[in-house]
Amino acid sequence: MTGASMAVVRARVGLAVANGLYGYWPHAPYDRIVAACSVRTVPEAWLAQTGPGGKILTPLAGWLYGYARVLLTTTGTAEGPAL
């Protein structure tokens, strides 16, 4: 989306450059977290920083080149399908 399009739908998007393992606390809780990096497990900080009903989209990578994208919804815990 362009900035103008996002203004129409009143979307507030921010970009943080930080160590993703720790998330980014200054503006938490978040409605959405979209990670471009792959993780083996979803960091606890991401779960703590995502508000109730929020979503986390991230690639999961494991041993032996296993790979999946997941979309998690938080409701005290995080659950969702592999995409």
N, C-alpha and C. Protein backbone atom coordinates (compact mmCIF):
# COMPACT_ATOMS: atom_id res chain seq x y z
N MET A 1 0.84 -1.18 0.00
CA MET A 1 0.00 0.00 0.00
C MET A 1 0.88 1.24 0.00
N THR A 2 0.39 2.26 -0.64
CA THR A 2 1.09 3.54 -0.59
C THR A 2 0.69 4.27 0.68
N GLY A 3 1.44 5.28 1.02
CA GLY A 3 1.12 6.07 2.20
C GLY A 3 -0.28 6.66 2.13
N ALA A 4 -0.68 7.15 0.93
CA ALA A 4 -2.00 7.74 0.77
C ALA A 4 -3.10 6.70 0.99
N SER A 5 -2.89 5.50 0.44
CA SER A 5 -3.88 4.43 0.61
C SER A 5 -4.02 4.04 2.07
N MET A 6 -2.90 4.01 2.75
CA MET A 6 -2.94 3.63 4.16
C MET A 6 -3.64 4.69 4.99
N ALA A 7 -3.51 5.95 4.61
CA ALA A 7 -4.20 7.02 5.32
C ALA A 7 -5.70 6.89 5.17
N VAL A 8 -6.16 6.45 4.01
CA VAL A 8 -7.60 6.29 3.77
C VAL A 8 -8.17 5.22 4.69
N VAL A 9 -7.45 4.12 4.88
CA VAL A 9 -7.95 3.05 5.74
C VAL A 9 -7.49 3.23 7.19
N ARG A 10 -6.85 4.34 7.45
CA ARG A 10 -6.37 4.69 8.78
C ARG A 10 -5.42 3.65 9.36
N ALA A 11 -4.57 3.12 8.52
CA ALA A 11 -3.57 2.15 8.98
C ALA A 11 -2.35 2.90 9.50
N ARG A 12 -1.87 2.46 10.64
CA ARG A 12 -0.63 3.01 11.19
C ARG A 12 0.42 1.92 11.09
N VAL A 13 1.41 2.15 10.27
CA VAL A 13 2.46 1.18 10.06
C VAL A 13 3.78 1.79 10.47
N GLY A 14 4.56 1.01 11.17
CA GLY A 14 5.88 1.48 11.57
C GLY A 14 6.92 0.43 11.22
N LEU A 15 8.12 0.88 11.08
CA LEU A 15 9.24 -0.01 10.79
C LEU A 15 10.27 0.18 11.88
N ALA A 16 10.65 -0.91 12.52
CA ALA A 16 11.67 -0.85 13.57
C ALA A 16 12.89 -1.63 13.14
N VAL A 17 14.05 -1.06 13.34
CA VAL A 17 15.30 -1.76 13.07
C VAL A 17 15.90 -2.07 14.44
N ALA A 18 15.82 -3.33 14.82
CA ALA A 18 16.28 -3.73 16.15
C ALA A 18 16.54 -5.23 16.13
N ASN A 19 17.03 -5.74 17.24
CA ASN A 19 17.21 -7.18 17.37
C ASN A 19 15.83 -7.80 17.53
N GLY A 20 15.38 -8.52 16.52
CA GLY A 20 14.03 -9.07 16.51
C GLY A 20 13.75 -10.07 17.60
N LEU A 21 14.77 -10.68 18.15
CA LEU A 21 14.56 -11.65 19.22
C LEU A 21 13.86 -11.02 20.41
N TYR A 22 14.13 -9.74 20.63
CA TYR A 22 13.55 -9.04 21.77
C TYR A 22 12.30 -8.24 21.40
N GLY A 23 11.90 -8.30 20.15
CA GLY A 23 10.75 -7.52 19.72
C GLY A 23 11.07 -6.05 19.74
N TYR A 24 10.03 -5.23 19.93
CA TYR A 24 10.21 -3.78 19.98
C TYR A 24 9.16 -3.22 20.92
N TRP A 25 9.55 -2.98 22.16
CA TRP A 25 8.62 -2.61 23.23
C TRP A 25 8.04 -1.20 23.16
N PRO A 26 8.70 -0.20 22.56
CA PRO A 26 8.22 1.17 22.70
C PRO A 26 6.75 1.41 22.33
N HIS A 27 6.20 0.67 21.39
CA HIS A 27 4.82 0.92 20.98
C HIS A 27 3.90 -0.27 21.23
N ALA A 28 4.35 -1.24 21.99
CA ALA A 28 3.54 -2.43 22.28
C ALA A 28 2.34 -2.03 23.13
N PRO A 29 1.23 -2.74 23.05
CA PRO A 29 1.01 -3.97 22.29
C PRO A 29 0.66 -3.67 20.84
N TYR A 30 0.97 -4.62 19.98
CA TYR A 30 0.74 -4.49 18.54
C TYR A 30 -0.45 -5.32 18.10
N ASP A 31 -1.12 -4.85 17.07
CA ASP A 31 -2.20 -5.63 16.44
C ASP A 31 -1.62 -6.69 15.53
N ARG A 32 -0.50 -6.37 14.88
CA ARG A 32 0.12 -7.29 13.92
C ARG A 32 1.63 -7.21 14.05
N ILE A 33 2.29 -8.37 13.92
CA ILE A 33 3.74 -8.42 13.79
C ILE A 33 4.02 -9.23 12.53
N VAL A 34 4.77 -8.65 11.61
CA VAL A 34 5.15 -9.34 10.38
C VAL A 34 6.67 -9.41 10.37
N ALA A 35 7.19 -10.63 10.39
CA ALA A 35 8.64 -10.82 10.42
C ALA A 35 9.14 -11.32 9.08
N ALA A 36 10.23 -10.75 8.63
CA ALA A 36 10.85 -11.20 7.38
C ALA A 36 11.92 -12.26 7.66
N CYS A 37 12.35 -12.37 8.90
CA CYS A 37 13.36 -13.36 9.27
C CYS A 37 12.68 -14.67 9.64
N SER A 38 13.39 -15.76 9.51
CA SER A 38 12.82 -17.03 9.94
C SER A 38 13.27 -17.32 11.36
N VAL A 39 12.43 -18.00 12.10
CA VAL A 39 12.74 -18.38 13.47
C VAL A 39 12.42 -19.87 13.65
N ARG A 40 13.05 -20.48 14.62
CA ARG A 40 12.74 -21.89 14.92
C ARG A 40 11.53 -21.97 15.83
N THR A 41 11.42 -21.03 16.73
CA THR A 41 10.24 -20.91 17.59
C THR A 41 9.89 -19.43 17.66
N VAL A 42 8.64 -19.14 17.89
CA VAL A 42 8.22 -17.74 18.00
C VAL A 42 8.74 -17.19 19.32
N PRO A 43 9.52 -16.11 19.28
CA PRO A 43 10.08 -15.56 20.52
C PRO A 43 8.99 -15.14 21.51
N GLU A 44 9.23 -15.40 22.78
CA GLU A 44 8.28 -15.03 23.84
C GLU A 44 7.97 -13.54 23.80
N ALA A 45 8.98 -12.73 23.46
CA ALA A 45 8.77 -11.28 23.42
C ALA A 45 7.70 -10.91 22.40
N TRP A 46 7.65 -11.60 21.27
CA TRP A 46 6.63 -11.31 20.26
C TRP A 46 5.25 -11.61 20.82
N LEU A 47 5.13 -12.73 21.52
CA LEU A 47 3.83 -13.10 22.10
C LEU A 47 3.41 -12.06 23.15
N ALA A 48 4.36 -11.64 23.97
CA ALA A 48 4.06 -10.66 25.02
C ALA A 48 3.69 -9.30 24.43
N GLN A 49 4.23 -8.97 23.26
CA GLN A 49 4.01 -7.65 22.67
C GLN A 49 2.83 -7.61 21.71
N THR A 50 2.19 -8.74 21.47
CA THR A 50 1.02 -8.78 20.59
C THR A 50 -0.22 -8.74 21.46
N GLY A 51 -1.11 -7.80 21.18
CA GLY A 51 -2.32 -7.66 21.97
C GLY A 51 -3.28 -8.80 21.73
N PRO A 52 -4.31 -8.92 22.57
CA PRO A 52 -5.32 -9.98 22.42
C PRO A 52 -5.96 -9.94 21.03
N GLY A 53 -6.01 -11.08 20.38
CA GLY A 53 -6.57 -11.17 19.04
C GLY A 53 -5.61 -10.70 17.95
N GLY A 54 -4.41 -10.28 18.34
CA GLY A 54 -3.42 -9.83 17.37
C GLY A 54 -2.88 -10.99 16.56
N LYS A 55 -2.16 -10.69 15.50
CA LYS A 55 -1.65 -11.73 14.61
C LYS A 55 -0.14 -11.59 14.42
N ILE A 56 0.52 -12.74 14.30
CA ILE A 56 1.95 -12.79 14.03
C ILE A 56 2.14 -13.60 12.76
N LEU A 57 2.78 -13.01 11.77
CA LEU A 57 3.09 -13.71 10.52
C LEU A 57 4.60 -13.84 10.45
N THR A 58 5.09 -15.08 10.40
CA THR A 58 6.53 -15.31 10.36
C THR A 58 6.85 -16.62 9.68
N PRO A 59 8.01 -16.69 9.02
CA PRO A 59 8.48 -17.98 8.51
C PRO A 59 9.09 -18.78 9.67
N LEU A 60 8.79 -20.06 9.71
CA LEU A 60 9.43 -20.97 10.67
C LEU A 60 10.41 -21.83 9.90
N ALA A 61 11.62 -21.93 10.39
CA ALA A 61 12.63 -22.78 9.77
C ALA A 61 13.19 -23.69 10.84
N GLY A 62 13.36 -24.93 10.51
CA GLY A 62 13.87 -25.88 11.48
C GLY A 62 15.13 -26.54 10.98
N TRP A 63 15.46 -27.62 11.59
CA TRP A 63 16.62 -28.41 11.19
C TRP A 63 16.38 -29.03 9.84
N LEU A 64 17.41 -29.31 9.14
CA LEU A 64 17.36 -29.99 7.83
C LEU A 64 16.52 -29.24 6.81
N TYR A 65 16.60 -27.91 6.86
CA TYR A 65 15.97 -27.06 5.85
C TYR A 65 14.45 -27.12 5.85
N GLY A 66 13.83 -27.53 6.94
CA GLY A 66 12.37 -27.47 7.03
C GLY A 66 11.93 -26.02 7.05
N TYR A 67 10.80 -25.72 6.45
CA TYR A 67 10.38 -24.32 6.32
C TYR A 67 8.87 -24.24 6.18
N ALA A 68 8.25 -23.34 6.89
CA ALA A 68 6.81 -23.09 6.75
C ALA A 68 6.54 -21.66 7.19
N ARG A 69 5.50 -21.07 6.65
CA ARG A 69 5.04 -19.77 7.14
C ARG A 69 3.85 -20.04 8.05
N VAL A 70 3.74 -19.29 9.13
CA VAL A 70 2.61 -19.46 10.04
C VAL A 70 1.96 -18.10 10.30
N LEU A 71 0.67 -18.14 10.48
CA LEU A 71 -0.10 -16.97 10.88
C LEU A 71 -0.74 -17.34 12.21
N LEU A 72 -0.27 -16.71 13.27
CA LEU A 72 -0.74 -17.03 14.61
C LEU A 72 -1.67 -15.94 15.11
N THR A 73 -2.70 -16.33 15.83
CA THR A 73 -3.59 -15.39 16.50
C THR A 73 -3.37 -15.55 17.99
N THR A 74 -3.18 -14.44 18.69
CA THR A 74 -2.92 -14.51 20.12
C THR A 74 -4.18 -14.31 20.93
N THR A 75 -4.39 -15.20 21.85
CA THR A 75 -5.51 -15.12 22.80
C THR A 75 -5.03 -15.69 24.13
N GLY A 76 -3.94 -15.16 24.63
CA GLY A 76 -3.30 -15.73 25.80
C GLY A 76 -2.25 -16.75 25.39
N THR A 77 -2.52 -17.51 24.36
CA THR A 77 -1.55 -18.37 23.72
C THR A 77 -1.56 -18.02 22.25
N ALA A 78 -0.73 -18.64 21.47
CA ALA A 78 -0.71 -18.37 20.02
C ALA A 78 -0.99 -19.66 19.30
N GLU A 79 -1.90 -19.60 18.37
CA GLU A 79 -2.20 -20.78 17.55
C GLU A 79 -2.64 -20.36 16.18
N GLY A 80 -2.42 -21.24 15.21
CA GLY A 80 -2.82 -20.94 13.85
C GLY A 80 -2.23 -21.93 12.89
N PRO A 81 -2.66 -21.86 11.63
CA PRO A 81 -2.23 -22.84 10.62
C PRO A 81 -0.91 -22.48 9.98
N ALA A 82 -0.28 -23.50 9.43
CA ALA A 82 0.86 -23.27 8.55
C ALA A 82 0.29 -22.82 7.21
N LEU A 83 0.93 -21.86 6.58
CA LEU A 83 0.44 -21.34 5.30
C LEU A 83 1.19 -21.94 4.15
